PDB file of N, CA and C in Angstrom:
ATOM      1  N   MET A   1      -3.884 -16.414  -7.111  1.00  0.00           N
ATOM      2  CA  MET A   1      -3.214 -15.525  -7.874  1.00  0.00           C
ATOM      3  C   MET A   1      -2.388 -15.937  -8.622  1.00  0.00           C
ATOM      4  N   VAL A   2      -2.238 -15.561  -9.976  1.00  0.00           N
ATOM      5  CA  VAL A   2      -1.458 -15.901 -11.000  1.00  0.00           C
ATOM      6  C   VAL A   2      -0.580 -14.921 -11.266  1.00  0.00           C
ATOM      7  N   GLY A   3       0.873 -15.002 -11.440  1.00  0.00           N
ATOM      8  CA  GLY A   3       1.789 -14.138 -11.734  1.00  0.00           C
ATOM      9  C   GLY A   3       3.200 -14.533 -11.240  1.00  0.00           C
ATOM     10  N   ASN A   4       3.905 -13.457 -11.290  1.00  0.00           N
ATOM     11  CA  ASN A   4       5.482 -13.557 -11.056  1.00  0.00           C
ATOM     12  C   ASN A   4       5.570 -14.113  -9.518  1.00  0.00           C
ATOM     13  N   THR A   5       6.384 -15.103  -9.509  1.00  0.00           N
ATOM     14  CA  THR A   5       6.351 -15.792  -8.173  1.00  0.00           C
ATOM     15  C   THR A   5       7.099 -14.784  -7.067  1.00  0.00           C
ATOM     16  N   ASP A   6       8.090 -14.083  -7.486  1.00  0.00           N
ATOM     17  CA  ASP A   6       8.705 -13.012  -6.635  1.00  0.00           C
ATOM     18  C   ASP A   6       7.727 -11.973  -6.146  1.00  0.00           C
ATOM     19  N   VAL A   7       6.749 -11.477  -7.129  1.00  0.00           N
ATOM     20  CA  VAL A   7       5.607 -10.726  -6.662  1.00  0.00           C
ATOM     21  C   VAL A   7       4.761 -11.412  -5.685  1.00  0.00           C
ATOM     22  N   ILE A   8       4.267 -12.600  -5.824  1.00  0.00           N
ATOM     23  CA  ILE A   8       3.315 -13.391  -5.207  1.00  0.00           C
ATOM     24  C   ILE A   8       4.074 -13.418  -3.725  1.00  0.00           C
ATOM     25  N   ILE A   9       5.310 -13.780  -3.509  1.00  0.00           N
ATOM     26  CA  ILE A   9       6.076 -13.993  -2.345  1.00  0.00           C
ATOM     27  C   ILE A   9       6.085 -12.617  -1.546  1.00  0.00           C
ATOM     28  N   TYR A  10       6.354 -11.525  -2.307  1.00  0.00           N
ATOM     29  CA  TYR A  10       6.480 -10.249  -1.787  1.00  0.00           C
ATOM     30  C   TYR A  10       5.251  -9.792  -1.302  1.00  0.00           C
ATOM     31  N   ILE A  11       4.096 -10.175  -1.863  1.00  0.00           N
ATOM     32  CA  ILE A  11       2.737  -9.592  -1.423  1.00  0.00           C
ATOM     33  C   ILE A  11       2.511 -10.431  -0.276  1.00  0.00           C
ATOM     34  N   SER A  12       2.610 -11.825  -0.001  1.00  0.00           N
ATOM     35  CA  SER A  12       2.280 -12.741   0.822  1.00  0.00           C
ATOM     36  C   SER A  12       3.048 -12.161   2.200  1.00  0.00           C
ATOM     37  N   LYS A  13       4.273 -11.821   1.946  1.00  0.00           N
ATOM     38  CA  LYS A  13       4.947 -11.332   3.357  1.00  0.00           C
ATOM     39  C   LYS A  13       4.333 -10.148   3.733  1.00  0.00           C
ATOM     40  N   LEU A  14       3.963  -9.120   3.028  1.00  0.00           N
ATOM     41  CA  LEU A  14       3.523  -7.795   3.108  1.00  0.00           C
ATOM     42  C   LEU A  14       2.250  -8.056   4.080  1.00  0.00           C
ATOM     43  N   LYS A  15       1.277  -8.924   3.109  1.00  0.00           N
ATOM     44  CA  LYS A  15       0.032  -9.177   3.839  1.00  0.00           C
ATOM     45  C   LYS A  15       0.564  -9.795   5.460  1.00  0.00           C
ATOM     46  N   ALA A  16       1.118 -10.702   5.555  1.00  0.00           N
ATOM     47  CA  ALA A  16       1.379 -11.267   6.830  1.00  0.00           C
ATOM     48  C   ALA A  16       2.021 -10.267   7.899  1.00  0.00           C
ATOM     49  N   PHE A  17       2.498  -9.256   7.483  1.00  0.00           N
ATOM     50  CA  PHE A  17       2.977  -7.994   8.124  1.00  0.00           C
ATOM     51  C   PHE A  17       1.876  -7.495   8.472  1.00  0.00           C
ATOM     52  N   LEU A  18       1.133  -6.654   7.741  1.00  0.00           N
ATOM     53  CA  LEU A  18      -0.059  -5.808   7.812  1.00  0.00           C
ATOM     54  C   LEU A  18      -1.147  -6.783   8.592  1.00  0.00           C
ATOM     55  N   ASP A  19      -1.248  -7.845   8.472  1.00  0.00           N
ATOM     56  CA  ASP A  19      -2.481  -8.562   9.163  1.00  0.00           C
ATOM     57  C   ASP A  19      -2.005  -8.582  10.547  1.00  0.00           C
ATOM     58  N   ASN A  20      -0.777  -8.776  10.787  1.00  0.00           N
ATOM     59  CA  ASN A  20      -0.396  -8.598  12.450  1.00  0.00           C
ATOM     60  C   ASN A  20       0.100  -7.209  13.001  1.00  0.00           C
ATOM     61  N   ASP A  21      -0.100  -6.216  12.320  1.00  0.00           N
ATOM     62  CA  ASP A  21       0.136  -4.845  12.530  1.00  0.00           C
ATOM     63  C   ASP A  21      -1.040  -3.867  12.411  1.00  0.00           C
ATOM     64  N   SER A  22      -2.139  -3.708  13.301  1.00  0.00           N
ATOM     65  CA  SER A  22      -3.451  -3.044  13.063  1.00  0.00           C
ATOM     66  C   SER A  22      -2.981  -1.704  12.652  1.00  0.00           C
ATOM     67  N   ASP A  23      -2.079  -0.966  13.362  1.00  0.00           N
ATOM     68  CA  ASP A  23      -1.602   0.460  13.039  1.00  0.00           C
ATOM     69  C   ASP A  23      -1.048   0.773  11.579  1.00  0.00           C
ATOM     70  N   ALA A  24      -0.340   0.020  11.180  1.00  0.00           N
ATOM     71  CA  ALA A  24       0.215  -0.169   9.867  1.00  0.00           C
ATOM     72  C   ALA A  24      -0.781  -0.185   8.861  1.00  0.00           C
ATOM     73  N   SER A  25      -1.811  -1.488   9.073  1.00  0.00           N
ATOM     74  CA  SER A  25      -2.832  -1.659   8.025  1.00  0.00           C
ATOM     75  C   SER A  25      -3.985  -0.360   8.070  1.00  0.00           C
ATOM     76  N   GLU A  26      -4.098   0.227   9.064  1.00  0.00           N
ATOM     77  CA  GLU A  26      -5.013   1.414   9.120  1.00  0.00           C
ATOM     78  C   GLU A  26      -4.416   2.309   8.455  1.00  0.00           C
ATOM     79  N   PHE A  27      -3.073   2.673   8.537  1.00  0.00           N
ATOM     80  CA  PHE A  27      -2.243   3.864   7.702  1.00  0.00           C
ATOM     81  C   PHE A  27      -2.395   3.544   6.333  1.00  0.00           C
ATOM     82  N   PHE A  28      -2.096   2.118   5.885  1.00  0.00           N
ATOM     83  CA  PHE A  28      -2.051   2.060   4.534  1.00  0.00           C
ATOM     84  C   PHE A  28      -3.418   2.023   3.832  1.00  0.00           C
ATOM     85  N   TYR A  29      -4.129   1.320   4.430  1.00  0.00           N
ATOM     86  CA  TYR A  29      -5.568   0.969   3.658  1.00  0.00           C
ATOM     87  C   TYR A  29      -6.945   1.145   4.431  1.00  0.00           C
ATOM     88  N   GLY A  30      -6.748   1.525   5.714  1.00  0.00           N
ATOM     89  CA  GLY A  30      -7.893   1.726   6.419  1.00  0.00           C
ATOM     90  C   GLY A  30      -8.708   0.674   6.423  1.00  0.00           C
ATOM     91  N   LYS A  31     -10.045   0.771   6.909  1.00  0.00           N
ATOM     92  CA  LYS A  31     -11.145  -0.311   7.204  1.00  0.00           C
ATOM     93  C   LYS A  31     -11.637  -0.922   5.694  1.00  0.00           C
ATOM     94  N   ASN A  32     -11.683  -0.161   4.681  1.00  0.00           N
ATOM     95  CA  ASN A  32     -12.288  -0.526   3.632  1.00  0.00           C
ATOM     96  C   ASN A  32     -11.346  -0.565   2.188  1.00  0.00           C
ATOM     97  N   GLY A  33     -10.053  -0.510   2.176  1.00  0.00           N
ATOM     98  CA  GLY A  33      -9.205  -0.214   1.003  1.00  0.00           C
ATOM     99  C   GLY A  33      -8.313  -1.583   0.782  1.00  0.00           C
ATOM    100  N   GLU A  34      -8.619  -2.629   1.604  1.00  0.00           N
ATOM    101  CA  GLU A  34      -7.418  -3.706   1.704  1.00  0.00           C
ATOM    102  C   GLU A  34      -7.263  -4.427   0.406  1.00  0.00           C
ATOM    103  N   THR A  35      -8.493  -4.708  -0.566  1.00  0.00           N
ATOM    104  CA  THR A  35      -8.413  -5.282  -1.804  1.00  0.00           C
ATOM    105  C   THR A  35      -7.785  -4.537  -2.880  1.00  0.00           C
ATOM    106  N   GLU A  36      -8.098  -3.030  -2.812  1.00  0.00           N
ATOM    107  CA  GLU A  36      -7.477  -2.200  -3.691  1.00  0.00           C
ATOM    108  C   GLU A  36      -6.026  -1.979  -3.501  1.00  0.00           C
ATOM    109  N   PHE A  37      -5.656  -1.819  -2.107  1.00  0.00           N
ATOM    110  CA  PHE A  37      -4.213  -1.775  -1.709  1.00  0.00           C
ATOM    111  C   PHE A  37      -3.375  -2.836  -2.275  1.00  0.00           C
ATOM    112  N   TYR A  38      -3.810  -4.130  -2.083  1.00  0.00           N
ATOM    113  CA  TYR A  38      -2.884  -5.329  -2.651  1.00  0.00           C
ATOM    114  C   TYR A  38      -2.919  -5.316  -4.112  1.00  0.00           C
ATOM    115  N   ASP A  39      -4.163  -4.608  -4.755  1.00  0.00           N
ATOM    116  CA  ASP A  39      -4.044  -4.672  -6.141  1.00  0.00           C
ATOM    117  C   ASP A  39      -3.169  -3.453  -6.626  1.00  0.00           C
ATOM    118  N   LEU A  40      -3.108  -2.759  -6.110  1.00  0.00           N
ATOM    119  CA  LEU A  40      -2.169  -1.357  -6.574  1.00  0.00           C
ATOM    120  C   LEU A  40      -0.619  -1.998  -6.030  1.00  0.00           C
ATOM    121  N   VAL A  41      -0.374  -2.578  -5.080  1.00  0.00           N
ATOM    122  CA  VAL A  41       0.861  -3.073  -4.731  1.00  0.00           C
ATOM    123  C   VAL A  41       1.371  -3.976  -5.868  1.00  0.00           C
ATOM    124  N   ARG A  42       0.564  -4.890  -6.294  1.00  0.00           N
ATOM    125  CA  ARG A  42       0.830  -5.956  -7.239  1.00  0.00           C
ATOM    126  C   ARG A  42       1.173  -5.240  -8.467  1.00  0.00           C
ATOM    127  N   ILE A  43       0.418  -4.168  -8.831  1.00  0.00           N
ATOM    128  CA  ILE A  43       0.758  -3.424 -10.199  1.00  0.00           C
ATOM    129  C   ILE A  43       2.025  -2.977 -10.077  1.00  0.00           C
ATOM    130  N   PHE A  44       2.605  -2.310  -8.855  1.00  0.00           N
ATOM    131  CA  PHE A  44       3.739  -1.646  -8.859  1.00  0.00           C
ATOM    132  C   PHE A  44       4.977  -2.608  -8.631  1.00  0.00           C
ATOM    133  N   ALA A  45       4.809  -3.758  -8.001  1.00  0.00           N
ATOM    134  CA  ALA A  45       5.665  -4.741  -7.934  1.00  0.00           C
ATOM    135  C   ALA A  45       6.025  -5.315  -9.271  1.00  0.00           C
ATOM    136  N   GLU A  46       4.887  -5.669  -9.960  1.00  0.00           N
ATOM    137  CA  GLU A  46       5.145  -6.204 -11.396  1.00  0.00           C
ATOM    138  C   GLU A  46       5.957  -5.381 -12.052  1.00  0.00           C
ATOM    139  N   LYS A  47       5.755  -4.042 -11.993  1.00  0.00           N
ATOM    140  CA  LYS A  47       6.368  -2.963 -12.856  1.00  0.00           C
ATOM    141  C   LYS A  47       7.910  -3.106 -12.411  1.00  0.00           C
ATOM    142  N   ASN A  48       8.227  -3.022 -10.999  1.00  0.00           N
ATOM    143  CA  ASN A  48       9.443  -3.080 -10.616  1.00  0.00           C
ATOM    144  C   ASN A  48      10.299  -4.338 -10.856  1.00  0.00           C
ATOM    145  N   VAL A  49       9.430  -5.435 -10.938  1.00  0.00           N
ATOM    146  CA  VAL A  49      10.462  -6.577 -11.564  1.00  0.00           C
ATOM    147  C   VAL A  49      10.634  -6.358 -13.193  1.00  0.00           C
ATOM    148  N   LYS A  50       9.837  -6.042 -13.527  1.00  0.00           N
ATOM    149  CA  LYS A  50      10.218  -5.537 -14.977  1.00  0.00           C
ATOM    150  C   LYS A  50      11.118  -4.670 -15.264  1.00  0.00           C
ATOM    151  N   ASP A  51      11.190  -3.517 -14.455  1.00  0.00           N
ATOM    152  CA  ASP A  51      12.094  -2.615 -14.616  1.00  0.00           C
ATOM    153  C   ASP A  51      13.464  -2.788 -14.022  1.00  0.00           C
ATOM    154  N   LYS A  52      13.378  -3.306 -12.732  1.00  0.00           N
ATOM    155  CA  LYS A  52      14.708  -3.393 -12.027  1.00  0.00           C
ATOM    156  C   LYS A  52      14.933  -4.776 -11.446  1.00  0.00           C
ATOM    157  N   GLY A  53      14.258  -5.910 -11.843  1.00  0.00           N
ATOM    158  CA  GLY A  53      14.419  -7.185 -11.389  1.00  0.00           C
ATOM    159  C   GLY A  53      13.824  -7.559 -10.083  1.00  0.00           C
ATOM    160  N   GLU A  54      13.509  -6.645  -9.125  1.00  0.00           N
ATOM    161  CA  GLU A  54      12.987  -6.920  -7.964  1.00  0.00           C
ATOM    162  C   GLU A  54      11.436  -6.369  -7.463  1.00  0.00           C
ATOM    163  N   PRO A  55      10.667  -7.020  -6.833  1.00  0.00           N
ATOM    164  CA  PRO A  55       9.316  -6.615  -6.721  1.00  0.00           C
ATOM    165  C   PRO A  55       9.241  -5.318  -5.790  1.00  0.00           C
ATOM    166  N   ASP A  56      10.231  -5.377  -4.984  1.00  0.00           N
ATOM    167  CA  ASP A  56       9.968  -4.076  -3.656  1.00  0.00           C
ATOM    168  C   ASP A  56       9.565  -2.962  -3.960  1.00  0.00           C
ATOM    169  N   LEU A  57       8.641  -2.327  -3.329  1.00  0.00           N
ATOM    170  CA  LEU A  57       8.120  -0.944  -3.592  1.00  0.00           C
ATOM    171  C   LEU A  57       9.068   0.043  -2.854  1.00  0.00           C
ATOM    172  N   THR A  58       9.237   1.168  -3.402  1.00  0.00           N
ATOM    173  CA  THR A  58       9.891   2.328  -2.573  1.00  0.00           C
ATOM    174  C   THR A  58       8.831   2.946  -1.869  1.00  0.00           C
ATOM    175  N   GLN A  59       9.439   4.018  -0.884  1.00  0.00           N
ATOM    176  CA  GLN A  59       8.602   4.735  -0.079  1.00  0.00           C
ATOM    177  C   GLN A  59       7.631   5.469  -0.809  1.00  0.00           C
ATOM    178  N   GLU A  60       8.138   6.125  -1.826  1.00  0.00           N
ATOM    179  CA  GLU A  60       7.207   7.140  -2.819  1.00  0.00           C
ATOM    180  C   GLU A  60       6.083   6.171  -3.269  1.00  0.00           C
ATOM    181  N   GLN A  61       6.389   4.678  -3.894  1.00  0.00           N
ATOM    182  CA  GLN A  61       5.187   3.823  -4.524  1.00  0.00           C
ATOM    183  C   GLN A  61       4.327   3.666  -3.243  1.00  0.00           C
ATOM    184  N   PHE A  62       4.652   3.244  -2.102  1.00  0.00           N
ATOM    185  CA  PHE A  62       3.548   3.090  -0.844  1.00  0.00           C
ATOM    186  C   PHE A  62       2.962   4.217  -0.651  1.00  0.00           C
ATOM    187  N   GLU A  63       3.547   5.649  -0.761  1.00  0.00           N
ATOM    188  CA  GLU A  63       2.738   6.882  -0.463  1.00  0.00           C
ATOM    189  C   GLU A  63       1.718   6.856  -1.618  1.00  0.00           C
ATOM    190  N   LYS A  64       2.065   6.697  -2.738  1.00  0.00           N
ATOM    191  CA  LYS A  64       1.174   6.933  -3.871  1.00  0.00           C
ATOM    192  C   LYS A  64      -0.092   6.013  -3.506  1.00  0.00           C
ATOM    193  N   ILE A  65       0.374   4.880  -3.409  1.00  0.00           N
ATOM    194  CA  ILE A  65      -0.771   3.984  -3.060  1.00  0.00           C
ATOM    195  C   ILE A  65      -1.732   4.265  -1.842  1.00  0.00           C
ATOM    196  N   ARG A  66      -1.054   4.705  -0.740  1.00  0.00           N
ATOM    197  CA  ARG A  66      -1.875   5.089   0.503  1.00  0.00           C
ATOM    198  C   ARG A  66      -2.773   6.377   0.071  1.00  0.00           C
ATOM    199  N   LYS A  67      -2.137   7.287  -0.777  1.00  0.00           N
ATOM    200  CA  LYS A  67      -3.185   8.458  -1.209  1.00  0.00           C
ATOM    201  C   LYS A  67      -4.259   8.063  -2.131  1.00  0.00           C
ATOM    202  N   LYS A  68      -3.793   7.002  -2.994  1.00  0.00           N
ATOM    203  CA  LYS A  68      -4.924   6.544  -3.918  1.00  0.00           C
ATOM    204  C   LYS A  68      -5.994   6.039  -3.110  1.00  0.00           C
ATOM    205  N   ILE A  69      -5.613   5.130  -2.184  1.00  0.00           N
ATOM    206  CA  ILE A  69      -6.507   4.282  -1.216  1.00  0.00           C
ATOM    207  C   ILE A  69      -7.455   5.390  -0.382  1.00  0.00           C
ATOM    208  N   PHE A  70      -6.940   6.346  -0.074  1.00  0.00           N
ATOM    209  CA  PHE A  70      -7.819   7.459   0.709  1.00  0.00           C
ATOM    210  C   PHE A  70      -8.705   8.263  -0.175  1.00  0.00           C
ATOM    211  N   GLN A  71      -8.173   8.362  -1.495  1.00  0.00           N
ATOM    212  CA  GLN A  71      -9.282   8.870  -2.399  1.00  0.00           C
ATOM    213  C   GLN A  71     -10.420   7.763  -2.555  1.00  0.00           C
ATOM    214  N   ILE A  72      -9.975   6.637  -3.246  1.00  0.00           N
ATOM    215  CA  ILE A  72     -10.938   5.695  -3.159  1.00  0.00           C
ATOM    216  C   ILE A  72     -11.946   5.506  -2.156  1.00  0.00           C
ATOM    217  N   THR A  73     -11.628   5.551  -0.705  1.00  0.00           N
ATOM    218  CA  THR A  73     -12.369   5.142   0.162  1.00  0.00           C
ATOM    219  C   THR A  73     -13.300   6.501   0.746  1.00  0.00           C
ATOM    220  N   THR A  74     -12.610   7.518   0.482  1.00  0.00           N
ATOM    221  CA  THR A  74     -13.286   8.612   1.322  1.00  0.00           C
ATOM    222  C   THR A  74     -13.698   9.570  -0.042  1.00  0.00           C
ATOM    223  N   ASN A  75     -13.557   9.335  -1.246  1.00  0.00           N
ATOM    224  CA  ASN A  75     -13.843  10.286  -2.118  1.00  0.00           C
ATOM    225  C   ASN A  75     -13.441  11.548  -1.976  1.00  0.00           C
ATOM    226  N   LYS A  76     -12.217  11.868  -1.351  1.00  0.00           N
ATOM    227  CA  LYS A  76     -11.480  12.905  -1.032  1.00  0.00           C
ATOM    228  C   LYS A  76      -9.954  13.022  -1.360  1.00  0.00           C
ATOM    229  N   ASP A  77      -9.289  13.906  -1.775  1.00  0.00           N
ATOM    230  CA  ASP A  77      -7.977  14.154  -1.760  1.00  0.00           C
ATOM    231  C   ASP A  77      -7.266  14.257  -0.389  1.00  0.00           C
ATOM    232  N   ILE A  78      -6.085  13.962  -0.227  1.00  0.00           N
ATOM    233  CA  ILE A  78      -5.380  14.189   0.962  1.00  0.00           C
ATOM    234  C   ILE A  78      -4.794  15.672   0.891  1.00  0.00           C
ATOM    235  N   THR A  79      -5.182  16.257   1.964  1.00  0.00           N
ATOM    236  CA  THR A  79      -4.939  17.925   2.012  1.00  0.00           C
ATOM    237  C   THR A  79      -3.890  17.941   3.197  1.00  0.00           C
ATOM    238  N   PRO A  80      -3.283  19.023   3.259  1.00  0.00           N
ATOM    239  CA  PRO A  80      -2.440  19.398   4.395  1.00  0.00           C
ATOM    240  C   PRO A  80      -3.103  19.469   5.944  1.00  0.00           C
ATOM    241  N   GLU A  81      -4.238  19.841   5.506  1.00  0.00           N
ATOM    242  CA  GLU A  81      -5.245  19.908   6.876  1.00  0.00           C
ATOM    243  C   GLU A  81      -5.568  18.513   7.364  1.00  0.00           C
ATOM    244  N   ILE A  82      -5.976  17.482   6.421  1.00  0.00           N
ATOM    245  CA  ILE A  82      -6.362  16.205   6.684  1.00  0.00           C
ATOM    246  C   ILE A  82      -5.002  15.511   7.329  1.00  0.00           C
ATOM    247  N   ILE A  83      -3.725  15.855   6.801  1.00  0.00           N
ATOM    248  CA  ILE A  83      -2.318  15.396   7.441  1.00  0.00           C
ATOM    249  C   ILE A  83      -2.241  15.979   8.726  1.00  0.00           C
ATOM    250  N   LYS A  84      -2.633  16.930   8.907  1.00  0.00           N
ATOM    251  CA  LYS A  84      -2.341  17.705  10.249  1.00  0.00           C
ATOM    252  C   LYS A  84      -3.224  17.143  11.236  1.00  0.00           C
ATOM    253  N   ASN A  85      -4.569  16.916  10.863  1.00  0.00           N
ATOM    254  CA  ASN A  85      -5.565  16.171  11.698  1.00  0.00           C
ATOM    255  C   ASN A  85      -5.169  14.846  11.952  1.00  0.00           C
ATOM    256  N   PHE A  86      -4.540  13.971  11.268  1.00  0.00           N
ATOM    257  CA  PHE A  86      -4.260  12.677  11.507  1.00  0.00           C
ATOM    258  C   PHE A  86      -3.084  12.321  12.226  1.00  0.00           C
ATOM    259  N   ASN A  87      -3.261  12.232  13.385  1.00  0.00           N
ATOM    260  CA  ASN A  87      -2.240  12.102  14.353  1.00  0.00           C
ATOM    261  C   ASN A  87      -1.699  10.614  14.671  1.00  0.00           C
ATOM    262  N   LEU A  88      -0.718  10.482  13.686  1.00  0.00           N
ATOM    263  CA  LEU A  88      -0.152   9.150  13.654  1.00  0.00           C
ATOM    264  C   LEU A  88       1.497   9.336  13.618  1.00  0.00           C
ATOM    265  N   SER A  89       1.947   8.775  14.634  1.00  0.00           N
ATOM    266  CA  SER A  89       3.344   8.700  14.526  1.00  0.00           C
ATOM    267  C   SER A  89       4.080   7.721  13.844  1.00  0.00           C
ATOM    268  N   LEU A  90       5.199   7.634  13.229  1.00  0.00           N
ATOM    269  CA  LEU A  90       5.885   6.587  12.426  1.00  0.00           C
ATOM    270  C   LEU A  90       7.087   5.993  13.196  1.00  0.00           C
ATOM    271  N   ASN A  91       7.180   6.573  14.700  1.00  0.00           N
ATOM    272  CA  ASN A  91       8.311   6.172  15.364  1.00  0.00           C
ATOM    273  C   ASN A  91       7.898   5.115  16.215  1.00  0.00           C
TER     274      ASN A  91
END
């Protein structure tokens, strides 16, 4: 991976976390969206470095990525009904 060192470190730490937390990885990219997830994280992180000097993604950026991964992997939009049926606690 070639790019900004801060972005590379940020993604490496995020990957280490998600590799060790199957619930979190399932929440963010499911079974088939890992590559796309990290590609989108990289894009946002690089933009964040350019705009504010740090790669850290906001909660809103992670949510945009999660929704996009869902669309890519299921070919559907996230609807309130899907959210209601997705029994996941963030506590």
